[in-house]
Structures are given as structure tokens and as C-alpha cells.
Amino acid sequence: MPVEGFWIFDTAQVNVELISGHLTITQPSEVKAYVDAFATLDDMAVYGDRAQALITRARDALL
């Protein structure tokens, strides 16, 4: 999981916020790396009932 936050602007630019600064990435191969990372995170995301069930299981494990 990336530590930094990033924003993808089309396929031309990625802005990355780091703890110590800010990057603007425009090199196509580097932009693709962030697009691919986002796709991986998107595939892992859950919504709605599945998200609620995941949250409930996590909460119950802590009780």
C-alpha cells in the first residue's frame, strides 16, 4: 500500500504528495505505474453490503 497520496490527471500527469514534499510526474512509464497501482487498489475495494460486512467482522474481532 503506498504511503503517499496521489492524484491521476488523465494519462498525462500524476501529482504525488509525500511527507516531505510534492512531485509532479509526467514521464509516461512513471504515470503508468500509478495508473496500475490505482487499478490494483480499485480491484481490492469493496462497497455496500460487502464493505459493511468487512467493517463488522473487523469490529467484532476487536471486541
PDB file of N, CA and C in Angstrom:
ATOM      1  N   MET A   1       0.848  -1.165   0.000  1.00  0.00           N
ATOM      2  CA  MET A   1       0.000   0.000   0.000  1.00  0.00           C
ATOM      3  C   MET A   1       0.901   1.238   0.000  1.00  0.00           C
ATOM      4  N   PRO A   2       0.699   2.134  -0.931  1.00  0.00           N
ATOM      5  CA  PRO A   2       1.545   3.329  -0.968  1.00  0.00           C
ATOM      6  C   PRO A   2       1.349   4.190   0.275  1.00  0.00           C
ATOM      7  N   VAL A   3       2.422   4.781   0.736  1.00  0.00           N
ATOM      8  CA  VAL A   3       2.341   5.690   1.877  1.00  0.00           C
ATOM      9  C   VAL A   3       1.851   7.051   1.412  1.00  0.00           C
ATOM     10  N   GLU A   4       2.230   7.436   0.203  1.00  0.00           N
ATOM     11  CA  GLU A   4       1.870   8.751  -0.302  1.00  0.00           C
ATOM     12  C   GLU A   4       0.457   8.752  -0.881  1.00  0.00           C
ATOM     13  N   GLY A   5      -0.102   9.968  -0.958  1.00  0.00           N
ATOM     14  CA  GLY A   5      -1.359  10.138  -1.671  1.00  0.00           C
ATOM     15  C   GLY A   5      -1.029  10.559  -3.092  1.00  0.00           C
ATOM     16  N   PHE A   6      -1.855  10.138  -4.050  1.00  0.00           N
ATOM     17  CA  PHE A   6      -1.580  10.552  -5.420  1.00  0.00           C
ATOM     18  C   PHE A   6      -2.872  10.810  -6.175  1.00  0.00           C
ATOM     19  N   TRP A   7      -2.779  11.699  -7.149  1.00  0.00           N
ATOM     20  CA  TRP A   7      -3.901  12.088  -7.985  1.00  0.00           C
ATOM     21  C   TRP A   7      -3.482  11.923  -9.432  1.00  0.00           C
ATOM     22  N   ILE A   8      -4.310  11.217 -10.195  1.00  0.00           N
ATOM     23  CA  ILE A   8      -4.018  10.957 -11.602  1.00  0.00           C
ATOM     24  C   ILE A   8      -4.853  11.911 -12.450  1.00  0.00           C
ATOM     25  N   PHE A   9      -4.190  12.608 -13.354  1.00  0.00           N
ATOM     26  CA  PHE A   9      -4.856  13.517 -14.282  1.00  0.00           C
ATOM     27  C   PHE A   9      -4.733  12.929 -15.682  1.00  0.00           C
ATOM     28  N   ASP A  10      -5.827  12.342 -16.162  1.00  0.00           N
ATOM     29  CA  ASP A  10      -5.840  11.638 -17.446  1.00  0.00           C
ATOM     30  C   ASP A  10      -4.704  10.620 -17.462  1.00  0.00           C
ATOM     31  N   THR A  11      -3.978  10.545 -18.551  1.00  0.00           N
ATOM     32  CA  THR A  11      -2.821   9.647 -18.609  1.00  0.00           C
ATOM     33  C   THR A  11      -1.551  10.454 -18.785  1.00  0.00           C
ATOM     34  N   ALA A  12      -1.630  11.752 -18.492  1.00  0.00           N
ATOM     35  CA  ALA A  12      -0.501  12.644 -18.761  1.00  0.00           C
ATOM     36  C   ALA A  12       0.253  13.081 -17.513  1.00  0.00           C
ATOM     37  N   GLN A  13      -0.403  13.056 -16.350  1.00  0.00           N
ATOM     38  CA  GLN A  13       0.244  13.621 -15.165  1.00  0.00           C
ATOM     39  C   GLN A  13      -0.275  12.955 -13.903  1.00  0.00           C
ATOM     40  N   VAL A  14       0.635  12.785 -12.955  1.00  0.00           N
ATOM     41  CA  VAL A  14       0.287  12.325 -11.614  1.00  0.00           C
ATOM     42  C   VAL A  14       0.914  13.297 -10.629  1.00  0.00           C
ATOM     43  N   ASN A  15       0.138  13.766  -9.684  1.00  0.00           N
ATOM     44  CA  ASN A  15       0.667  14.572  -8.588  1.00  0.00           C
ATOM     45  C   ASN A  15       0.759  13.672  -7.364  1.00  0.00           C
ATOM     46  N   VAL A  16       1.911  13.705  -6.713  1.00  0.00           N
ATOM     47  CA  VAL A  16       2.163  12.847  -5.564  1.00  0.00           C
ATOM     48  C   VAL A  16       2.487  13.737  -4.369  1.00  0.00           C
ATOM     49  N   GLU A  17       1.777  13.518  -3.280  1.00  0.00           N
ATOM     50  CA  GLU A  17       2.046  14.256  -2.050  1.00  0.00           C
ATOM     51  C   GLU A  17       2.796  13.329  -1.106  1.00  0.00           C
ATOM     52  N   LEU A  18       4.013  13.715  -0.781  1.00  0.00           N
ATOM     53  CA  LEU A  18       4.852  12.953   0.137  1.00  0.00           C
ATOM     54  C   LEU A  18       4.887  13.641   1.494  1.00  0.00           C
ATOM     55  N   ILE A  19       5.439  12.983   2.463  1.00  0.00           N
ATOM     56  CA  ILE A  19       5.589  13.602   3.775  1.00  0.00           C
ATOM     57  C   ILE A  19       6.469  14.840   3.684  1.00  0.00           C
ATOM     58  N   SER A  20       7.498  14.764   2.843  1.00  0.00           N
ATOM     59  CA  SER A  20       8.478  15.847   2.787  1.00  0.00           C
ATOM     60  C   SER A  20       8.351  16.743   1.564  1.00  0.00           C
ATOM     61  N   GLY A  21       7.365  16.558   0.723  1.00  0.00           N
ATOM     62  CA  GLY A  21       7.264  17.408  -0.455  1.00  0.00           C
ATOM     63  C   GLY A  21       6.170  16.963  -1.410  1.00  0.00           C
ATOM     64  N   HIS A  22       6.252  17.481  -2.619  1.00  0.00           N
ATOM     65  CA  HIS A  22       5.233  17.256  -3.638  1.00  0.00           C
ATOM     66  C   HIS A  22       5.928  16.979  -4.956  1.00  0.00           C
ATOM     67  N   LEU A  23       5.447  15.995  -5.709  1.00  0.00           N
ATOM     68  CA  LEU A  23       6.019  15.655  -7.009  1.00  0.00           C
ATOM     69  C   LEU A  23       4.967  15.806  -8.094  1.00  0.00           C
ATOM     70  N   THR A  24       5.388  16.228  -9.264  1.00  0.00           N
ATOM     71  CA  THR A  24       4.563  16.193 -10.460  1.00  0.00           C
ATOM     72  C   THR A  24       5.253  15.252 -11.431  1.00  0.00           C
ATOM     73  N   ILE A  25       4.579  14.175 -11.780  1.00  0.00           N
ATOM     74  CA  ILE A  25       5.157  13.139 -12.636  1.00  0.00           C
ATOM     75  C   ILE A  25       4.496  13.207 -13.999  1.00  0.00           C
ATOM     76  N   THR A  26       5.319  13.268 -15.044  1.00  0.00           N
ATOM     77  CA  THR A  26       4.786  13.332 -16.405  1.00  0.00           C
ATOM     78  C   THR A  26       5.417  12.288 -17.328  1.00  0.00           C
ATOM     79  N   GLN A  27       6.431  11.589 -16.872  1.00  0.00           N
ATOM     80  CA  GLN A  27       7.066  10.543 -17.675  1.00  0.00           C
ATOM     81  C   GLN A  27       6.048   9.420 -17.881  1.00  0.00           C
ATOM     82  N   PRO A  28       5.718   9.085 -19.133  1.00  0.00           N
ATOM     83  CA  PRO A  28       4.654   8.098 -19.375  1.00  0.00           C
ATOM     84  C   PRO A  28       4.820   6.778 -18.623  1.00  0.00           C
ATOM     85  N   SER A  29       6.023   6.244 -18.534  1.00  0.00           N
ATOM     86  CA  SER A  29       6.205   4.970 -17.826  1.00  0.00           C
ATOM     87  C   SER A  29       5.950   5.117 -16.331  1.00  0.00           C
ATOM     88  N   GLU A  30       6.272   6.267 -15.776  1.00  0.00           N
ATOM     89  CA  GLU A  30       6.020   6.506 -14.352  1.00  0.00           C
ATOM     90  C   GLU A  30       4.536   6.757 -14.098  1.00  0.00           C
ATOM     91  N   VAL A  31       3.870   7.488 -14.998  1.00  0.00           N
ATOM     92  CA  VAL A  31       2.426   7.697 -14.878  1.00  0.00           C
ATOM     93  C   VAL A  31       1.726   6.346 -14.913  1.00  0.00           C
ATOM     94  N   LYS A  32       2.150   5.457 -15.817  1.00  0.00           N
ATOM     95  CA  LYS A  32       1.551   4.127 -15.927  1.00  0.00           C
ATOM     96  C   LYS A  32       1.690   3.346 -14.623  1.00  0.00           C
ATOM     97  N   ALA A  33       2.807   3.503 -13.929  1.00  0.00           N
ATOM     98  CA  ALA A  33       2.990   2.802 -12.658  1.00  0.00           C
ATOM     99  C   ALA A  33       1.908   3.208 -11.657  1.00  0.00           C
ATOM    100  N   TYR A  34       1.547   4.487 -11.619  1.00  0.00           N
ATOM    101  CA  TYR A  34       0.498   4.944 -10.713  1.00  0.00           C
ATOM    102  C   TYR A  34      -0.881   4.508 -11.189  1.00  0.00           C
ATOM    103  N   VAL A  35      -1.102   4.515 -12.506  1.00  0.00           N
ATOM    104  CA  VAL A  35      -2.372   4.017 -13.050  1.00  0.00           C
ATOM    105  C   VAL A  35      -2.543   2.547 -12.679  1.00  0.00           C
ATOM    106  N   ASP A  36      -1.475   1.770 -12.810  1.00  0.00           N
ATOM    107  CA  ASP A  36      -1.525   0.353 -12.445  1.00  0.00           C
ATOM    108  C   ASP A  36      -1.762   0.168 -10.946  1.00  0.00           C
ATOM    109  N   ALA A  37      -1.097   0.983 -10.123  1.00  0.00           N
ATOM    110  CA  ALA A  37      -1.291   0.896  -8.668  1.00  0.00           C
ATOM    111  C   ALA A  37      -2.743   1.207  -8.310  1.00  0.00           C
ATOM    112  N   PHE A  38      -3.311   2.226  -8.959  1.00  0.00           N
ATOM    113  CA  PHE A  38      -4.701   2.568  -8.690  1.00  0.00           C
ATOM    114  C   PHE A  38      -5.625   1.424  -9.091  1.00  0.00           C
ATOM    115  N   ALA A  39      -5.355   0.808 -10.233  1.00  0.00           N
ATOM    116  CA  ALA A  39      -6.184  -0.314 -10.689  1.00  0.00           C
ATOM    117  C   ALA A  39      -6.142  -1.453  -9.678  1.00  0.00           C
ATOM    118  N   THR A  40      -4.974  -1.721  -9.108  1.00  0.00           N
ATOM    119  CA  THR A  40      -4.849  -2.765  -8.088  1.00  0.00           C
ATOM    120  C   THR A  40      -5.681  -2.422  -6.859  1.00  0.00           C
ATOM    121  N   LEU A  41      -5.583  -1.182  -6.400  1.00  0.00           N
ATOM    122  CA  LEU A  41      -6.372  -0.757  -5.236  1.00  0.00           C
ATOM    123  C   LEU A  41      -7.865  -0.810  -5.545  1.00  0.00           C
ATOM    124  N   ASP A  42      -8.242  -0.410  -6.755  1.00  0.00           N
ATOM    125  CA  ASP A  42      -9.647  -0.441  -7.155  1.00  0.00           C
ATOM    126  C   ASP A  42     -10.181  -1.870  -7.153  1.00  0.00           C
ATOM    127  N   ASP A  43      -9.368  -2.809  -7.609  1.00  0.00           N
ATOM    128  CA  ASP A  43      -9.784  -4.217  -7.605  1.00  0.00           C
ATOM    129  C   ASP A  43      -9.987  -4.750  -6.196  1.00  0.00           C
ATOM    130  N   MET A  44      -9.263  -4.209  -5.220  1.00  0.00           N
ATOM    131  CA  MET A  44      -9.347  -4.671  -3.831  1.00  0.00           C
ATOM    132  C   MET A  44     -10.491  -4.019  -3.063  1.00  0.00           C
ATOM    133  N   ALA A  45     -11.000  -2.910  -3.565  1.00  0.00           N
ATOM    134  CA  ALA A  45     -12.025  -2.144  -2.854  1.00  0.00           C
ATOM    135  C   ALA A  45     -13.355  -2.892  -2.805  1.00  0.00           C
ATOM    136  N   VAL A  46     -14.074  -2.709  -1.704  1.00  0.00           N
ATOM    137  CA  VAL A  46     -15.424  -3.259  -1.575  1.00  0.00           C
ATOM    138  C   VAL A  46     -16.369  -2.125  -1.175  1.00  0.00           C
ATOM    139  N   TYR A  47     -17.633  -2.297  -1.540  1.00  0.00           N
ATOM    140  CA  TYR A  47     -18.633  -1.262  -1.313  1.00  0.00           C
ATOM    141  C   TYR A  47     -19.912  -1.896  -0.796  1.00  0.00           C
ATOM    142  N   GLY A  48     -20.797  -1.056  -0.297  1.00  0.00           N
ATOM    143  CA  GLY A  48     -22.127  -1.501   0.083  1.00  0.00           C
ATOM    144  C   GLY A  48     -22.126  -2.587   1.145  1.00  0.00           C
ATOM    145  N   ASP A  49     -22.927  -3.634   0.902  1.00  0.00           N
ATOM    146  CA  ASP A  49     -23.083  -4.708   1.882  1.00  0.00           C
ATOM    147  C   ASP A  49     -21.759  -5.413   2.176  1.00  0.00           C
ATOM    148  N   ARG A  50     -20.919  -5.599   1.150  1.00  0.00           N
ATOM    149  CA  ARG A  50     -19.626  -6.263   1.366  1.00  0.00           C
ATOM    150  C   ARG A  50     -18.735  -5.414   2.274  1.00  0.00           C
ATOM    151  N   ALA A  51     -18.763  -4.098   2.095  1.00  0.00           N
ATOM    152  CA  ALA A  51     -17.973  -3.216   2.945  1.00  0.00           C
ATOM    153  C   ALA A  51     -18.487  -3.255   4.387  1.00  0.00           C
ATOM    154  N   GLN A  52     -19.800  -3.222   4.538  1.00  0.00           N
ATOM    155  CA  GLN A  52     -20.388  -3.276   5.880  1.00  0.00           C
ATOM    156  C   GLN A  52     -20.012  -4.567   6.578  1.00  0.00           C
ATOM    157  N   ALA A  53     -20.047  -5.682   5.861  1.00  0.00           N
ATOM    158  CA  ALA A  53     -19.688  -6.967   6.458  1.00  0.00           C
ATOM    159  C   ALA A  53     -18.213  -6.984   6.869  1.00  0.00           C
ATOM    160  N   LEU A  54     -17.360  -6.417   6.059  1.00  0.00           N
ATOM    161  CA  LEU A  54     -15.934  -6.356   6.386  1.00  0.00           C
ATOM    162  C   LEU A  54     -15.695  -5.512   7.637  1.00  0.00           C
ATOM    163  N   ILE A  55     -16.348  -4.380   7.724  1.00  0.00           N
ATOM    164  CA  ILE A  55     -16.225  -3.497   8.887  1.00  0.00           C
ATOM    165  C   ILE A  55     -16.752  -4.199  10.138  1.00  0.00           C
ATOM    166  N   THR A  56     -17.884  -4.873  10.005  1.00  0.00           N
ATOM    167  CA  THR A  56     -18.458  -5.589  11.150  1.00  0.00           C
ATOM    168  C   THR A  56     -17.531  -6.682  11.641  1.00  0.00           C
ATOM    169  N   ARG A  57     -16.957  -7.457  10.723  1.00  0.00           N
ATOM    170  CA  ARG A  57     -16.012  -8.512  11.121  1.00  0.00           C
ATOM    171  C   ARG A  57     -14.783  -7.932  11.822  1.00  0.00           C
ATOM    172  N   ALA A  58     -14.281  -6.823  11.321  1.00  0.00           N
ATOM    173  CA  ALA A  58     -13.115  -6.180  11.947  1.00  0.00           C
ATOM    174  C   ALA A  58     -13.460  -5.684  13.357  1.00  0.00           C
ATOM    175  N   ARG A  59     -14.627  -5.057  13.473  1.00  0.00           N
ATOM    176  CA  ARG A  59     -15.070  -4.574  14.787  1.00  0.00           C
ATOM    177  C   ARG A  59     -15.239  -5.726  15.766  1.00  0.00           C
ATOM    178  N   ASP A  60     -15.900  -6.783  15.322  1.00  0.00           N
ATOM    179  CA  ASP A  60     -16.150  -7.930  16.190  1.00  0.00           C
ATOM    180  C   ASP A  60     -14.849  -8.604  16.626  1.00  0.00           C
ATOM    181  N   ALA A  61     -13.849  -8.610  15.767  1.00  0.00           N
ATOM    182  CA  ALA A  61     -12.556  -9.209  16.112  1.00  0.00           C
ATOM    183  C   ALA A  61     -11.865  -8.414  17.218  1.00  0.00           C
ATOM    184  N   LEU A  62     -12.189  -7.142  17.336  1.00  0.00           N
ATOM    185  CA  LEU A  62     -11.576  -6.306  18.365  1.00  0.00           C
ATOM    186  C   LEU A  62     -12.291  -6.389  19.710  1.00  0.00           C
ATOM    187  N   LEU A  63     -13.508  -6.881  19.705  1.00  0.00           N
ATOM    188  CA  LEU A  63     -14.307  -6.932  20.946  1.00  0.00           C
ATOM    189  C   LEU A  63     -13.949  -8.124  21.803  1.00  0.00           C
TER     190      LEU A  63
END
